[in-house]
């Protein structure tokens, strides 16, 4: 069963990522001080996350923990 977008946002917050301005519509933009890239999540909180979104968030959380 896929995770919800809200669950991915919680995972990012717990890993130290911060929501920043700039996302349009249902897109949200995330940044971490120690990681050189930005994560963009598309979808409303209640939507099912796509598999690539889950993988991207997992990878981003691991990157943040290693830095």
Protein backbone atom coordinates (compact mmCIF):
# COMPACT_ATOMS: atom_id res chain seq x y z
CA UNK A 1 0.00 0.00 0.00
CA UNK A 2 1.52 3.35 -0.99
CA UNK A 3 2.27 6.01 1.58
CA UNK A 4 0.34 9.27 1.61
CA UNK A 5 1.99 12.56 0.71
CA UNK A 6 1.48 13.73 4.32
CA UNK A 7 3.54 10.76 5.54
CA UNK A 8 6.41 11.70 3.21
CA UNK A 9 6.31 15.27 4.53
CA UNK A 10 6.56 13.96 8.11
CA UNK A 11 9.55 11.82 7.12
CA UNK A 12 11.29 14.84 5.62
CA UNK A 13 10.63 16.98 8.70
CA UNK A 14 11.97 14.27 11.00
CA UNK A 15 15.13 14.07 8.88
CA UNK A 16 15.71 17.82 9.28
CA UNK A 17 14.33 19.07 5.97
CA UNK A 18 12.49 22.40 5.95
CA UNK A 19 9.58 23.53 3.82
CA UNK A 20 10.57 26.60 1.81
CA UNK A 21 8.62 29.06 -0.30
CA UNK A 22 8.33 28.54 -4.02
CA UNK A 23 6.09 25.54 -4.55
CA UNK A 24 3.12 26.24 -6.81
CA UNK A 25 -0.29 24.68 -6.39
CA UNK A 26 -0.02 21.26 -4.80
CA UNK A 27 3.79 21.24 -5.06
CA UNK A 28 5.91 21.71 -1.94
CA UNK A 29 9.61 22.53 -1.97
CA UNK A 30 11.99 21.14 0.69
CA UNK A 31 15.57 22.06 1.54
CA UNK A 32 18.19 20.80 4.00
CA UNK A 33 21.18 22.84 5.19
CA UNK A 34 23.69 20.01 4.72
CA UNK A 35 22.37 18.61 1.42
CA UNK A 36 23.01 20.37 -1.89
CA UNK A 37 19.71 19.55 -3.56
CA UNK A 38 16.05 20.43 -3.26
CA UNK A 39 13.16 17.98 -2.99
CA UNK A 40 9.85 18.82 -4.66
CA UNK A 41 6.75 16.84 -3.69
CA UNK A 42 3.72 17.04 -5.95
CA UNK A 43 0.29 16.20 -4.58
CA UNK A 44 -2.12 17.03 -1.81
CA UNK A 45 -1.67 15.57 1.67
CA UNK A 46 -4.32 12.88 1.22
CA UNK A 47 -3.05 11.68 -2.17
CA UNK A 48 -1.19 8.41 -2.57
CA UNK A 49 2.51 8.98 -3.20
CA UNK A 50 4.06 7.67 -6.37
CA UNK A 51 6.80 5.06 -6.03
CA UNK A 52 9.47 7.46 -7.30
CA UNK A 53 8.43 10.01 -4.66
CA UNK A 54 8.83 7.46 -1.87
CA UNK A 55 12.27 6.47 -3.15
CA UNK A 56 13.35 10.10 -3.47
CA UNK A 57 12.26 10.92 0.09
CA UNK A 58 13.98 7.82 1.49
CA UNK A 59 17.19 8.75 -0.35
CA UNK A 60 16.95 12.35 0.89
CA UNK A 61 16.45 11.23 4.50
CA UNK A 62 19.53 8.99 4.28
CA UNK A 63 21.60 11.81 2.77
CA UNK A 64 20.59 14.17 5.57
CA UNK A 65 21.49 11.64 8.28
CA UNK A 66 24.96 10.99 6.86
CA UNK A 67 25.89 14.68 6.78
